[in-house]
Protein backbone atom coordinates (compact mmCIF):
# COMPACT_ATOMS: atom_id res chain seq x y z
CA UNK A 1 -33.02 10.14 -11.59
CA UNK A 2 -29.87 12.09 -10.81
CA UNK A 3 -30.40 11.65 -7.07
CA UNK A 4 -30.85 7.90 -7.51
CA UNK A 5 -27.66 7.54 -9.56
CA UNK A 6 -25.77 9.54 -6.95
CA UNK A 7 -27.14 7.33 -4.16
CA UNK A 8 -25.95 4.08 -5.79
CA UNK A 9 -22.58 5.39 -7.07
CA UNK A 10 -19.83 2.96 -6.19
CA UNK A 11 -22.24 0.39 -4.71
CA UNK A 12 -23.01 -3.09 -6.05
CA UNK A 13 -26.20 -1.67 -7.58
CA UNK A 14 -24.10 0.62 -9.78
CA UNK A 15 -23.77 -1.18 -13.14
CA UNK A 16 -21.43 1.45 -14.60
CA UNK A 17 -18.80 2.12 -11.93
CA UNK A 18 -16.74 -0.58 -10.21
CA UNK A 19 -17.70 -0.91 -6.54
CA UNK A 20 -14.48 -2.73 -5.68
CA UNK A 21 -12.30 0.02 -7.09
CA UNK A 22 -14.38 2.67 -5.31
CA UNK A 23 -14.07 0.91 -1.94
CA UNK A 24 -10.58 -0.58 -2.20
CA UNK A 25 -8.78 1.44 -4.84
CA UNK A 26 -7.93 -1.80 -6.65
CA UNK A 27 -9.76 -4.45 -8.64
CA UNK A 28 -8.63 -7.97 -9.54
CA UNK A 29 -9.83 -7.47 -13.12
CA UNK A 30 -7.61 -4.42 -13.65
CA UNK A 31 -8.00 -2.84 -17.09
CA UNK A 32 -10.19 -5.77 -18.16
CA UNK A 33 -12.95 -4.82 -15.71
CA UNK A 34 -16.33 -4.31 -17.38
CA UNK A 35 -17.06 -1.36 -15.10
CA UNK A 36 -15.35 2.00 -14.87
CA UNK A 37 -12.46 2.68 -12.50
CA UNK A 38 -12.89 6.35 -11.66
CA UNK A 39 -9.45 7.50 -10.58
CA UNK A 40 -9.68 10.57 -8.32
CA UNK A 41 -8.16 13.89 -9.35
CA UNK A 42 -7.79 14.84 -5.69
CA UNK A 43 -7.74 12.78 -2.49
CA UNK A 44 -6.18 12.62 0.96
CA UNK A 45 -5.06 9.06 0.26
CA UNK A 46 -2.27 7.73 -1.93
CA UNK A 47 -1.34 4.12 -2.69
CA UNK A 48 2.20 2.88 -3.25
CA UNK A 49 1.62 -0.14 -5.44
CA UNK A 50 3.26 -3.49 -4.54
CA UNK A 51 5.92 -1.75 -2.43
CA UNK A 52 6.15 -4.14 0.54
CA UNK A 53 7.70 -7.56 0.08
CA UNK A 54 6.80 -10.08 2.77
CA UNK A 55 9.95 -12.10 3.52
CA UNK A 56 7.85 -15.23 4.02
CA UNK A 57 6.92 -15.02 0.34
CA UNK A 58 10.28 -13.94 -1.07
CA UNK A 59 13.08 -15.39 1.09
CA UNK A 60 15.14 -18.02 -0.74
CA UNK A 61 18.41 -19.83 -0.16
CA UNK A 62 21.32 -19.71 -2.61
CA UNK A 63 20.04 -22.80 -4.45
CA UNK A 64 16.60 -21.23 -4.97
CA UNK A 65 14.72 -23.26 -2.36
CA UNK A 66 12.36 -21.55 0.05
CA UNK A 67 13.94 -20.26 3.27
CA UNK A 68 11.87 -20.46 6.45
CA UNK A 69 11.21 -17.12 8.15
CA UNK A 70 9.56 -17.13 11.58
CA UNK A 71 6.47 -15.08 12.45
CA UNK A 72 8.57 -13.04 14.88
CA UNK A 73 11.07 -12.17 12.15
CA UNK A 74 8.25 -11.22 9.79
CA UNK A 75 6.71 -8.88 12.36
CA UNK A 76 10.08 -7.23 13.04
CA UNK A 77 10.66 -6.78 9.30
CA UNK A 78 7.13 -5.42 8.87
CA UNK A 79 7.46 -2.95 11.76
CA UNK A 80 10.84 -1.73 10.49
CA UNK A 81 9.48 -1.17 6.98
CA UNK A 82 6.33 0.54 8.28
CA UNK A 83 8.28 2.89 10.55
CA UNK A 84 10.74 3.85 7.83
CA UNK A 85 8.09 4.65 5.21
CA UNK A 86 5.76 6.42 7.67
CA UNK A 87 8.53 8.57 9.13
CA UNK A 88 10.04 9.64 5.82
CA UNK A 89 6.70 10.43 4.15
CA UNK A 90 5.45 12.43 7.11
CA UNK A 91 8.69 14.41 7.39
CA UNK A 92 8.80 15.17 3.65
CA UNK A 93 5.15 15.71 2.74
CA UNK A 94 3.00 16.39 5.79
CA UNK A 95 0.95 14.94 8.62
CA UNK A 96 -0.29 11.39 8.12
CA UNK A 97 -3.67 10.47 9.58
CA UNK A 98 -3.48 6.78 8.79
CA UNK A 99 -1.24 4.29 7.02
CA UNK A 100 -2.12 0.70 6.15
CA UNK A 101 -0.34 -2.13 4.39
CA UNK A 102 -1.96 -5.09 2.64
CA UNK A 103 -0.98 -8.64 3.53
CA UNK A 104 -2.93 -10.05 0.58
CA UNK A 105 -1.38 -12.19 -2.17
CA UNK A 106 -3.50 -11.16 -5.17
CA UNK A 107 -1.56 -9.15 -7.77
CA UNK A 108 -3.80 -6.09 -7.38
CA UNK A 109 -3.30 -5.87 -3.60
CA UNK A 110 -0.03 -7.59 -2.68
CA UNK A 111 2.32 -5.21 -0.89
CA UNK A 112 0.13 -2.15 -1.42
CA UNK A 113 0.81 0.68 1.04
CA UNK A 114 -2.05 3.15 1.61
CA UNK A 115 -1.19 6.50 3.16
CA UNK A 116 -3.91 8.95 4.18
CA UNK A 117 -2.59 12.48 4.67
CA UNK A 118 -4.40 15.18 6.60
CA UNK A 119 -4.31 17.52 3.59
CA UNK A 120 -5.13 16.74 -0.03
CA UNK A 121 -2.35 18.99 -1.32
CA UNK A 122 0.22 16.94 0.64
CA UNK A 123 -1.04 13.76 -1.01
CA UNK A 124 -0.87 15.37 -4.45
CA UNK A 125 2.72 16.49 -3.92
CA UNK A 126 3.73 13.09 -2.57
CA UNK A 127 2.42 11.33 -5.68
CA UNK A 128 4.19 13.75 -8.01
CA UNK A 129 7.55 13.31 -6.29
CA UNK A 130 7.41 9.63 -5.35
CA UNK A 131 6.94 8.53 -8.95
CA UNK A 132 10.52 9.67 -9.55
CA UNK A 133 11.89 7.66 -6.64
CA UNK A 134 13.31 4.22 -5.97
CA UNK A 135 12.85 2.25 -2.76
CA UNK A 136 14.91 -0.78 -1.80
CA UNK A 137 15.89 -1.44 -5.41
CA UNK A 138 12.49 -1.03 -7.05
CA UNK A 139 10.79 1.89 -8.76
CA UNK A 140 8.01 3.48 -6.69
CA UNK A 141 4.60 3.61 -8.37
CA UNK A 142 2.27 6.01 -6.54
CA UNK A 143 -1.22 7.23 -7.38
CA UNK A 144 -4.13 8.93 -5.68
CA UNK A 145 -6.62 6.48 -4.20
CA UNK A 146 -10.40 6.84 -3.72
CA UNK A 147 -10.15 5.08 -0.34
CA UNK A 148 -10.80 7.34 2.63
CA UNK A 149 -12.63 4.98 5.02
CA UNK A 150 -10.63 1.81 5.55
CA UNK A 151 -13.45 0.26 7.55
CA UNK A 152 -15.25 -0.23 4.24
CA UNK A 153 -12.13 -1.64 2.55
CA UNK A 154 -10.87 -4.20 5.02
CA UNK A 155 -11.98 -7.81 5.39
CA UNK A 156 -13.96 -8.20 8.62
CA UNK A 157 -13.54 -11.98 8.56
CA UNK A 158 -9.74 -11.59 8.39
CA UNK A 159 -9.81 -9.35 11.45
CA UNK A 160 -11.67 -12.09 13.32
CA UNK A 161 -9.36 -14.79 11.98
CA UNK A 162 -12.17 -16.36 9.95
CA UNK A 163 -11.45 -15.45 6.30
CA UNK A 164 -11.68 -18.59 4.16
CA UNK A 165 -10.26 -16.96 1.02
CA UNK A 166 -6.74 -16.72 2.40
CA UNK A 167 -4.36 -14.26 0.80
CA UNK A 168 -6.45 -14.07 -2.37
CA UNK A 169 -9.40 -12.31 -0.75
CA UNK A 170 -10.61 -9.27 -2.70
CA UNK A 171 -10.82 -7.12 0.43
CA UNK A 172 -7.82 -5.71 2.27
CA UNK A 173 -6.08 -7.92 4.81
CA UNK A 174 -4.46 -5.19 6.90
CA UNK A 175 -1.62 -6.54 9.01
CA UNK A 176 -1.34 -4.61 12.30
CA UNK A 177 1.91 -3.11 13.53
CA UNK A 178 3.10 -3.78 17.07
CA UNK A 179 1.48 -1.77 19.87
CA UNK A 180 4.76 -0.13 20.82
CA UNK A 181 5.32 1.11 17.28
CA UNK A 182 1.73 2.34 17.05
CA UNK A 183 2.21 4.43 20.20
CA UNK A 184 5.55 5.67 18.90
CA UNK A 185 4.18 6.82 15.52
CA UNK A 186 0.67 7.96 16.39
CA UNK A 187 1.24 8.83 20.03
CA UNK A 188 4.21 11.11 19.29
CA UNK A 189 6.68 8.93 21.15
CA UNK A 190 10.44 9.09 20.43
CA UNK A 191 11.27 7.86 16.94
CA UNK A 192 14.26 5.91 15.78
CA UNK A 193 15.84 7.12 12.56
CA UNK A 194 17.21 4.78 9.93
CA UNK A 195 18.97 5.74 6.69
CA UNK A 196 16.35 6.40 3.98
CA UNK A 197 16.05 3.90 1.14
CA UNK A 198 14.07 6.21 -1.13
CA UNK A 199 16.31 7.35 -3.97
CA UNK A 200 15.65 9.84 -6.76
CA UNK A 201 15.58 8.32 -10.23
CA UNK A 202 17.72 9.96 -12.90
CA UNK A 203 16.57 7.84 -15.80
CA UNK A 204 13.20 7.08 -17.48
CA UNK A 205 11.18 4.02 -16.53
CA UNK A 206 11.01 0.94 -18.68
CA UNK A 207 8.27 -1.01 -16.97
CA UNK A 208 7.31 -2.19 -13.52
CA UNK A 209 10.02 -4.83 -13.22
CA UNK A 210 12.97 -2.62 -13.99
CA UNK A 211 15.48 -2.43 -11.14
CA UNK A 212 17.74 0.41 -10.16
CA UNK A 213 21.54 0.17 -10.21
CA UNK A 214 21.34 0.06 -6.40
CA UNK A 215 19.17 -3.06 -6.30
CA UNK A 216 21.92 -5.15 -4.74
CA UNK A 217 21.75 -2.95 -1.63
CA UNK A 218 18.15 -3.99 -0.87
CA UNK A 219 17.28 -5.79 2.32
CA UNK A 220 16.64 -9.10 0.52
């Protein structure tokens, strides 16, 4: 019996533990899910919840109307954000094996940044310190994630351009970075340095939507 339960743990046959949380580290039902979300006590992977803000979803004019942002501008913004976060986290906490960012729109996945470190102790230290930090005017919310194999987490249809669920798919829509940036970060090419936008918090949190005194200095 024990071997059977172990073999189905985190699969759709498991009626106790949530398979979505096990595979993706997030579930659209959140705390209302009828199955257990087993948060890891140790992992190589951390998730920075809702950290990235896609300018196509957030850009507005002064009168509140939506401001058009081209695909080229979005990719440049995305690459710049990716490089900044990757570089600072690797320099402060340790070698990064893989970093991915969700392009989904569902509340449980939108803007999530997944960082897989080479060493579990680096991930643990990053979570402890990042939860006292601000980034681009918003408090950072970091936690250990059960995700270690992103092939099981990502949407295959999205990768082939065939996902019919759009941004509200329950699997990760992982937006790729440009090839030049990939070679620069993972191929040990020369890196550009930009001023860090992570800031240490000196006051207690009062909820996810609280903004730091430096929020006006954010990119958008």
